Amino acid sequence: MPLVVPGVTTNDPTVQKTEEWMNKLCGKTLADHTSETTFCKSDLPQPTRIIKPGTMVTKDFNPDRLNVHVGEDGKVSHVIHG
């Protein structure tokens, strides 16, 4: 029987996809190839938005869209679906 802790574990597939992408991308830079410190942009799911500091984005909600937030240093800080 799996351990289920309210607020910590979930069976929501969107949350699971977000956590999976967070584990793949957090701390890496986006580039044209994949390595230990980079992730290839072409391997991102579609639709995806890469959001840099100061970038204006629409507030429409698309649960299938991956929003990749990149910090000033060019590294992925976090990702969300929406």
PDB file of N, CA and C in Angstrom:
ATOM      1  N   MET A   1       0.850  -1.172   0.000  1.00  0.00           N
ATOM      2  CA  MET A   1       0.000   0.000   0.000  1.00  0.00           C
ATOM      3  C   MET A   1       0.900   1.242   0.000  1.00  0.00           C
ATOM      4  N   PRO A   2       0.701   2.166  -0.953  1.00  0.00           N
ATOM      5  CA  PRO A   2       1.546   3.362  -1.004  1.00  0.00           C
ATOM      6  C   PRO A   2       1.228   4.330   0.135  1.00  0.00           C
ATOM      7  N   LEU A   3       2.239   5.055   0.530  1.00  0.00           N
ATOM      8  CA  LEU A   3       2.067   6.065   1.571  1.00  0.00           C
ATOM      9  C   LEU A   3       1.383   7.283   0.970  1.00  0.00           C
ATOM     10  N   VAL A   4       0.285   7.704   1.576  1.00  0.00           N
ATOM     11  CA  VAL A   4      -0.444   8.877   1.114  1.00  0.00           C
ATOM     12  C   VAL A   4      -0.474   9.885   2.244  1.00  0.00           C
ATOM     13  N   VAL A   5       0.166  11.021   2.026  1.00  0.00           N
ATOM     14  CA  VAL A   5       0.190  12.078   3.019  1.00  0.00           C
ATOM     15  C   VAL A   5      -0.535  13.282   2.415  1.00  0.00           C
ATOM     16  N   PRO A   6      -1.647  13.722   3.008  1.00  0.00           N
ATOM     17  CA  PRO A   6      -2.389  14.854   2.450  1.00  0.00           C
ATOM     18  C   PRO A   6      -1.495  16.072   2.271  1.00  0.00           C
ATOM     19  N   GLY A   7      -1.571  16.652   1.084  1.00  0.00           N
ATOM     20  CA  GLY A   7      -0.784  17.844   0.792  1.00  0.00           C
ATOM     21  C   GLY A   7       0.642  17.552   0.354  1.00  0.00           C
ATOM     22  N   VAL A   8       1.080  16.305   0.475  1.00  0.00           N
ATOM     23  CA  VAL A   8       2.445  15.950   0.079  1.00  0.00           C
ATOM     24  C   VAL A   8       2.428  15.028  -1.124  1.00  0.00           C
ATOM     25  N   THR A   9       1.553  14.050  -1.130  1.00  0.00           N
ATOM     26  CA  THR A   9       1.436  13.142  -2.259  1.00  0.00           C
ATOM     27  C   THR A   9       0.096  13.352  -2.928  1.00  0.00           C
ATOM     28  N   THR A  10       0.043  13.071  -4.226  1.00  0.00           N
ATOM     29  CA  THR A  10      -1.191  13.276  -4.961  1.00  0.00           C
ATOM     30  C   THR A  10      -1.275  12.293  -6.113  1.00  0.00           C
ATOM     31  N   ASN A  11      -2.484  12.028  -6.542  1.00  0.00           N
ATOM     32  CA  ASN A  11      -2.713  11.197  -7.718  1.00  0.00           C
ATOM     33  C   ASN A  11      -3.114  12.048  -8.912  1.00  0.00           C
ATOM     34  N   ASP A  12      -3.088  13.375  -8.766  1.00  0.00           N
ATOM     35  CA  ASP A  12      -3.447  14.280  -9.847  1.00  0.00           C
ATOM     36  C   ASP A  12      -2.378  14.202 -10.939  1.00  0.00           C
ATOM     37  N   PRO A  13      -2.751  13.763 -12.162  1.00  0.00           N
ATOM     38  CA  PRO A  13      -1.756  13.607 -13.221  1.00  0.00           C
ATOM     39  C   PRO A  13      -1.062  14.917 -13.612  1.00  0.00           C
ATOM     40  N   THR A  14      -1.763  16.045 -13.524  1.00  0.00           N
ATOM     41  CA  THR A  14      -1.142  17.327 -13.864  1.00  0.00           C
ATOM     42  C   THR A  14      -0.045  17.670 -12.868  1.00  0.00           C
ATOM     43  N   VAL A  15      -0.311  17.442 -11.590  1.00  0.00           N
ATOM     44  CA  VAL A  15       0.694  17.704 -10.555  1.00  0.00           C
ATOM     45  C   VAL A  15       1.880  16.770 -10.744  1.00  0.00           C
ATOM     46  N   GLN A  16       1.617  15.524 -11.074  1.00  0.00           N
ATOM     47  CA  GLN A  16       2.695  14.562 -11.291  1.00  0.00           C
ATOM     48  C   GLN A  16       3.551  14.961 -12.488  1.00  0.00           C
ATOM     49  N   LYS A  17       2.916  15.434 -13.582  1.00  0.00           N
ATOM     50  CA  LYS A  17       3.675  15.891 -14.753  1.00  0.00           C
ATOM     51  C   LYS A  17       4.527  17.099 -14.394  1.00  0.00           C
ATOM     52  N   THR A  18       3.967  18.028 -13.614  1.00  0.00           N
ATOM     53  CA  THR A  18       4.707  19.215 -13.218  1.00  0.00           C
ATOM     54  C   THR A  18       5.922  18.830 -12.381  1.00  0.00           C
ATOM     55  N   GLU A  19       5.738  17.921 -11.425  1.00  0.00           N
ATOM     56  CA  GLU A  19       6.858  17.473 -10.589  1.00  0.00           C
ATOM     57  C   GLU A  19       7.926  16.779 -11.424  1.00  0.00           C
ATOM     58  N   GLU A  20       7.506  16.003 -12.401  1.00  0.00           N
ATOM     59  CA  GLU A  20       8.445  15.310 -13.278  1.00  0.00           C
ATOM     60  C   GLU A  20       9.296  16.309 -14.057  1.00  0.00           C
ATOM     61  N   TRP A  21       8.648  17.335 -14.629  1.00  0.00           N
ATOM     62  CA  TRP A  21       9.394  18.355 -15.382  1.00  0.00           C
ATOM     63  C   TRP A  21      10.250  19.201 -14.455  1.00  0.00           C
ATOM     64  N   MET A  22       9.788  19.461 -13.261  1.00  0.00           N
ATOM     65  CA  MET A  22      10.590  20.215 -12.290  1.00  0.00           C
ATOM     66  C   MET A  22      11.881  19.461 -11.991  1.00  0.00           C
ATOM     67  N   ASN A  23      11.788  18.159 -11.798  1.00  0.00           N
ATOM     68  CA  ASN A  23      12.972  17.345 -11.525  1.00  0.00           C
ATOM     69  C   ASN A  23      13.933  17.326 -12.706  1.00  0.00           C
ATOM     70  N   LYS A  24      13.396  17.350 -13.941  1.00  0.00           N
ATOM     71  CA  LYS A  24      14.240  17.328 -15.133  1.00  0.00           C
ATOM     72  C   LYS A  24      14.932  18.668 -15.386  1.00  0.00           C
ATOM     73  N   LEU A  25      14.241  19.773 -15.074  1.00  0.00           N
ATOM     74  CA  LEU A  25      14.704  21.082 -15.527  1.00  0.00           C
ATOM     75  C   LEU A  25      15.320  21.984 -14.465  1.00  0.00           C
ATOM     76  N   CYS A  26      14.900  21.862 -13.225  1.00  0.00           N
ATOM     77  CA  CYS A  26      15.323  22.809 -12.195  1.00  0.00           C
ATOM     78  C   CYS A  26      16.851  22.873 -12.080  1.00  0.00           C
ATOM     79  N   GLY A  27      17.388  24.088 -12.168  1.00  0.00           N
ATOM     80  CA  GLY A  27      18.823  24.314 -12.047  1.00  0.00           C
ATOM     81  C   GLY A  27      19.590  24.196 -13.351  1.00  0.00           C
ATOM     82  N   LYS A  28      18.913  23.792 -14.428  1.00  0.00           N
ATOM     83  CA  LYS A  28      19.578  23.662 -15.725  1.00  0.00           C
ATOM     84  C   LYS A  28      19.302  24.881 -16.591  1.00  0.00           C
ATOM     85  N   THR A  29      20.148  25.090 -17.591  1.00  0.00           N
ATOM     86  CA  THR A  29      19.907  26.128 -18.589  1.00  0.00           C
ATOM     87  C   THR A  29      19.311  25.459 -19.815  1.00  0.00           C
ATOM     88  N   LEU A  30      18.556  26.224 -20.610  1.00  0.00           N
ATOM     89  CA  LEU A  30      17.961  25.699 -21.832  1.00  0.00           C
ATOM     90  C   LEU A  30      18.894  26.015 -22.994  1.00  0.00           C
ATOM     91  N   ALA A  31      19.136  25.027 -23.840  1.00  0.00           N
ATOM     92  CA  ALA A  31      20.075  25.188 -24.944  1.00  0.00           C
ATOM     93  C   ALA A  31      19.602  24.359 -26.133  1.00  0.00           C
ATOM     94  N   ASP A  32      20.482  24.218 -27.128  1.00  0.00           N
ATOM     95  CA  ASP A  32      20.157  23.437 -28.316  1.00  0.00           C
ATOM     96  C   ASP A  32      20.587  21.979 -28.184  1.00  0.00           C
ATOM     97  N   HIS A  33      21.099  21.586 -27.025  1.00  0.00           N
ATOM     98  CA  HIS A  33      21.530  20.218 -26.767  1.00  0.00           C
ATOM     99  C   HIS A  33      21.305  19.893 -25.289  1.00  0.00           C
ATOM    100  N   THR A  34      21.356  18.620 -24.951  1.00  0.00           N
ATOM    101  CA  THR A  34      21.180  18.193 -23.570  1.00  0.00           C
ATOM    102  C   THR A  34      22.509  17.693 -23.008  1.00  0.00           C
ATOM    103  N   SER A  35      22.824  18.115 -21.790  1.00  0.00           N
ATOM    104  CA  SER A  35      24.007  17.627 -21.080  1.00  0.00           C
ATOM    105  C   SER A  35      23.671  17.598 -19.593  1.00  0.00           C
ATOM    106  N   GLU A  36      24.679  17.468 -18.742  1.00  0.00           N
ATOM    107  CA  GLU A  36      24.452  17.461 -17.294  1.00  0.00           C
ATOM    108  C   GLU A  36      23.858  18.774 -16.801  1.00  0.00           C
ATOM    109  N   THR A  37      24.231  19.894 -17.443  1.00  0.00           N
ATOM    110  CA  THR A  37      23.808  21.215 -16.957  1.00  0.00           C
ATOM    111  C   THR A  37      22.846  21.932 -17.896  1.00  0.00           C
ATOM    112  N   THR A  38      22.526  21.322 -19.046  1.00  0.00           N
ATOM    113  CA  THR A  38      21.616  21.953 -19.998  1.00  0.00           C
ATOM    114  C   THR A  38      20.509  20.989 -20.400  1.00  0.00           C
ATOM    115  N   PHE A  39      19.416  21.550 -20.915  1.00  0.00           N
ATOM    116  CA  PHE A  39      18.304  20.752 -21.410  1.00  0.00           C
ATOM    117  C   PHE A  39      17.930  21.303 -22.775  1.00  0.00           C
ATOM    118  N   CYS A  40      17.753  20.423 -23.745  1.00  0.00           N
ATOM    119  CA  CYS A  40      17.452  20.825 -25.114  1.00  0.00           C
ATOM    120  C   CYS A  40      16.025  21.373 -25.226  1.00  0.00           C
ATOM    121  N   LYS A  41      15.915  22.585 -25.779  1.00  0.00           N
ATOM    122  CA  LYS A  41      14.597  23.218 -25.927  1.00  0.00           C
ATOM    123  C   LYS A  41      13.647  22.374 -26.766  1.00  0.00           C
ATOM    124  N   SER A  42      14.185  21.685 -27.780  1.00  0.00           N
ATOM    125  CA  SER A  42      13.311  20.900 -28.661  1.00  0.00           C
ATOM    126  C   SER A  42      12.731  19.669 -27.962  1.00  0.00           C
ATOM    127  N   ASP A  43      13.265  19.293 -26.802  1.00  0.00           N
ATOM    128  CA  ASP A  43      12.736  18.160 -26.044  1.00  0.00           C
ATOM    129  C   ASP A  43      11.626  18.560 -25.072  1.00  0.00           C
ATOM    130  N   LEU A  44      11.305  19.849 -25.003  1.00  0.00           N
ATOM    131  CA  LEU A  44      10.218  20.313 -24.138  1.00  0.00           C
ATOM    132  C   LEU A  44       8.878  19.945 -24.770  1.00  0.00           C
ATOM    133  N   PRO A  45       7.871  19.648 -23.953  1.00  0.00           N
ATOM    134  CA  PRO A  45       6.556  19.315 -24.517  1.00  0.00           C
ATOM    135  C   PRO A  45       5.919  20.556 -25.139  1.00  0.00           C
ATOM    136  N   GLN A  46       4.983  20.314 -26.026  1.00  0.00           N
ATOM    137  CA  GLN A  46       4.237  21.420 -26.631  1.00  0.00           C
ATOM    138  C   GLN A  46       2.820  21.381 -26.094  1.00  0.00           C
ATOM    139  N   PRO A  47       2.257  22.493 -25.724  1.00  0.00           N
ATOM    140  CA  PRO A  47       2.823  23.842 -25.755  1.00  0.00           C
ATOM    141  C   PRO A  47       3.684  24.138 -24.521  1.00  0.00           C
ATOM    142  N   THR A  48       4.691  24.969 -24.712  1.00  0.00           N
ATOM    143  CA  THR A  48       5.574  25.407 -23.631  1.00  0.00           C
ATOM    144  C   THR A  48       5.826  26.899 -23.766  1.00  0.00           C
ATOM    145  N   ARG A  49       5.887  27.592 -22.625  1.00  0.00           N
ATOM    146  CA  ARG A  49       6.316  29.000 -22.598  1.00  0.00           C
ATOM    147  C   ARG A  49       7.570  29.077 -21.748  1.00  0.00           C
ATOM    148  N   ILE A  50       8.590  29.724 -22.272  1.00  0.00           N
ATOM    149  CA  ILE A  50       9.794  29.995 -21.493  1.00  0.00           C
ATOM    150  C   ILE A  50       9.670  31.436 -21.024  1.00  0.00           C
ATOM    151  N   ILE A  51       9.605  31.618 -19.707  1.00  0.00           N
ATOM    152  CA  ILE A  51       9.318  32.930 -19.128  1.00  0.00           C
ATOM    153  C   ILE A  51      10.560  33.441 -18.410  1.00  0.00           C
ATOM    154  N   LYS A  52      11.123  34.502 -18.966  1.00  0.00           N
ATOM    155  CA  LYS A  52      12.312  35.137 -18.381  1.00  0.00           C
ATOM    156  C   LYS A  52      11.860  36.280 -17.477  1.00  0.00           C
ATOM    157  N   PRO A  53      12.722  36.746 -16.563  1.00  0.00           N
ATOM    158  CA  PRO A  53      12.342  37.865 -15.691  1.00  0.00           C
ATOM    159  C   PRO A  53      11.904  39.073 -16.510  1.00  0.00           C
ATOM    160  N   GLY A  54      10.766  39.640 -16.135  1.00  0.00           N
ATOM    161  CA  GLY A  54      10.248  40.823 -16.820  1.00  0.00           C
ATOM    162  C   GLY A  54       9.414  40.515 -18.050  1.00  0.00           C
ATOM    163  N   THR A  55       9.302  39.244 -18.430  1.00  0.00           N
ATOM    164  CA  THR A  55       8.510  38.870 -19.595  1.00  0.00           C
ATOM    165  C   THR A  55       7.025  38.993 -19.280  1.00  0.00           C
ATOM    166  N   MET A  56       6.299  39.655 -20.155  1.00  0.00           N
ATOM    167  CA  MET A  56       4.852  39.763 -19.980  1.00  0.00           C
ATOM    168  C   MET A  56       4.200  38.511 -20.569  1.00  0.00           C
ATOM    169  N   VAL A  57       3.236  37.942 -19.836  1.00  0.00           N
ATOM    170  CA  VAL A  57       2.524  36.756 -20.298  1.00  0.00           C
ATOM    171  C   VAL A  57       1.030  36.957 -20.109  1.00  0.00           C
ATOM    172  N   THR A  58       0.261  36.242 -20.911  1.00  0.00           N
ATOM    173  CA  THR A  58      -1.188  36.300 -20.761  1.00  0.00           C
ATOM    174  C   THR A  58      -1.599  35.493 -19.537  1.00  0.00           C
ATOM    175  N   LYS A  59      -2.779  35.763 -19.023  1.00  0.00           N
ATOM    176  CA  LYS A  59      -3.259  35.060 -17.829  1.00  0.00           C
ATOM    177  C   LYS A  59      -4.228  33.936 -18.176  1.00  0.00           C
ATOM    178  N   ASP A  60      -4.337  33.631 -19.473  1.00  0.00           N
ATOM    179  CA  ASP A  60      -5.229  32.522 -19.825  1.00  0.00           C
ATOM    180  C   ASP A  60      -4.662  31.217 -19.275  1.00  0.00           C
ATOM    181  N   PHE A  61      -5.552  30.331 -18.854  1.00  0.00           N
ATOM    182  CA  PHE A  61      -5.131  29.083 -18.234  1.00  0.00           C
ATOM    183  C   PHE A  61      -5.242  27.958 -19.245  1.00  0.00           C
ATOM    184  N   ASN A  62      -4.134  27.258 -19.466  1.00  0.00           N
ATOM    185  CA  ASN A  62      -4.099  26.087 -20.333  1.00  0.00           C
ATOM    186  C   ASN A  62      -3.429  24.975 -19.532  1.00  0.00           C
ATOM    187  N   PRO A  63      -4.194  24.012 -19.017  1.00  0.00           N
ATOM    188  CA  PRO A  63      -3.621  22.991 -18.135  1.00  0.00           C
ATOM    189  C   PRO A  63      -2.571  22.116 -18.812  1.00  0.00           C
ATOM    190  N   ASP A  64      -2.535  22.096 -20.147  1.00  0.00           N
ATOM    191  CA  ASP A  64      -1.555  21.292 -20.872  1.00  0.00           C
ATOM    192  C   ASP A  64      -0.259  22.047 -21.142  1.00  0.00           C
ATOM    193  N   ARG A  65      -0.260  23.368 -20.938  1.00  0.00           N
ATOM    194  CA  ARG A  65       0.920  24.178 -21.250  1.00  0.00           C
ATOM    195  C   ARG A  65       1.904  24.169 -20.088  1.00  0.00           C
ATOM    196  N   LEU A  66       3.173  23.921 -20.403  1.00  0.00           N
ATOM    197  CA  LEU A  66       4.233  23.956 -19.413  1.00  0.00           C
ATOM    198  C   LEU A  66       4.853  25.353 -19.431  1.00  0.00           C
ATOM    199  N   ASN A  67       4.841  26.015 -18.285  1.00  0.00           N
ATOM    200  CA  ASN A  67       5.477  27.324 -18.137  1.00  0.00           C
ATOM    201  C   ASN A  67       6.809  27.125 -17.435  1.00  0.00           C
ATOM    202  N   VAL A  68       7.893  27.429 -18.141  1.00  0.00           N
ATOM    203  CA  VAL A  68       9.239  27.253 -17.613  1.00  0.00           C
ATOM    204  C   VAL A  68       9.760  28.631 -17.217  1.00  0.00           C
ATOM    205  N   HIS A  69       9.966  28.848 -15.926  1.00  0.00           N
ATOM    206  CA  HIS A  69      10.449  30.134 -15.421  1.00  0.00           C
ATOM    207  C   HIS A  69      11.969  30.086 -15.295  1.00  0.00           C
ATOM    208  N   VAL A  70      12.620  31.049 -15.959  1.00  0.00           N
ATOM    209  CA  VAL A  70      14.076  31.111 -15.987  1.00  0.00           C
ATOM    210  C   VAL A  70      14.522  32.338 -15.207  1.00  0.00           C
ATOM    211  N   GLY A  71      15.539  32.187 -14.360  1.00  0.00           N
ATOM    212  CA  GLY A  71      16.047  33.297 -13.557  1.00  0.00           C
ATOM    213  C   GLY A  71      17.016  34.175 -14.333  1.00  0.00           C
ATOM    214  N   GLU A  72      17.500  35.220 -13.675  1.00  0.00           N
ATOM    215  CA  GLU A  72      18.463  36.149 -14.280  1.00  0.00           C
ATOM    216  C   GLU A  72      19.722  35.438 -14.755  1.00  0.00           C
ATOM    217  N   ASP A  73      20.091  34.355 -14.069  1.00  0.00           N
ATOM    218  CA  ASP A  73      21.304  33.612 -14.409  1.00  0.00           C
ATOM    219  C   ASP A  73      21.096  32.636 -15.567  1.00  0.00           C
ATOM    220  N   GLY A  74      19.868  32.572 -16.103  1.00  0.00           N
ATOM    221  CA  GLY A  74      19.572  31.692 -17.223  1.00  0.00           C
ATOM    222  C   GLY A  74      19.192  30.291 -16.828  1.00  0.00           C
ATOM    223  N   LYS A  75      19.155  29.999 -15.538  1.00  0.00           N
ATOM    224  CA  LYS A  75      18.803  28.662 -15.062  1.00  0.00           C
ATOM    225  C   LYS A  75      17.318  28.591 -14.739  1.00  0.00           C
ATOM    226  N   VAL A  76      16.742  27.416 -14.937  1.00  0.00           N
ATOM    227  CA  VAL A  76      15.327  27.195 -14.651  1.00  0.00           C
ATOM    228  C   VAL A  76      15.124  27.254 -13.142  1.00  0.00           C
ATOM    229  N   SER A  77      14.215  28.138 -12.702  1.00  0.00           N
ATOM    230  CA  SER A  77      13.949  28.270 -11.267  1.00  0.00           C
ATOM    231  C   SER A  77      12.774  27.383 -10.850  1.00  0.00           C
ATOM    232  N   HIS A  78      11.736  27.324 -11.692  1.00  0.00           N
ATOM    233  CA  HIS A  78      10.591  26.461 -11.412  1.00  0.00           C
ATOM    234  C   HIS A  78       9.730  26.321 -12.651  1.00  0.00           C
ATOM    235  N   VAL A  79       8.845  25.339 -12.625  1.00  0.00           N
ATOM    236  CA  VAL A  79       7.908  25.112 -13.735  1.00  0.00           C
ATOM    237  C   VAL A  79       6.508  24.906 -13.165  1.00  0.00           C
ATOM    238  N   ILE A  80       5.521  25.297 -13.948  1.00  0.00           N
ATOM    239  CA  ILE A  80       4.120  25.056 -13.582  1.00  0.00           C
ATOM    240  C   ILE A  80       3.341  24.758 -14.856  1.00  0.00           C
ATOM    241  N   HIS A  81       2.250  24.055 -14.722  1.00  0.00           N
ATOM    242  CA  HIS A  81       1.324  23.873 -15.844  1.00  0.00           C
ATOM    243  C   HIS A  81       0.227  24.910 -15.706  1.00  0.00           C
ATOM    244  N   GLY A  82      -0.182  25.461 -16.822  1.00  0.00           N
ATOM    245  CA  GLY A  82      -1.274  26.436 -16.775  1.00  0.00           C
ATOM    246  C   GLY A  82      -1.241  27.430 -17.875  1.00  0.00           C
TER     247      GLY A  82
END
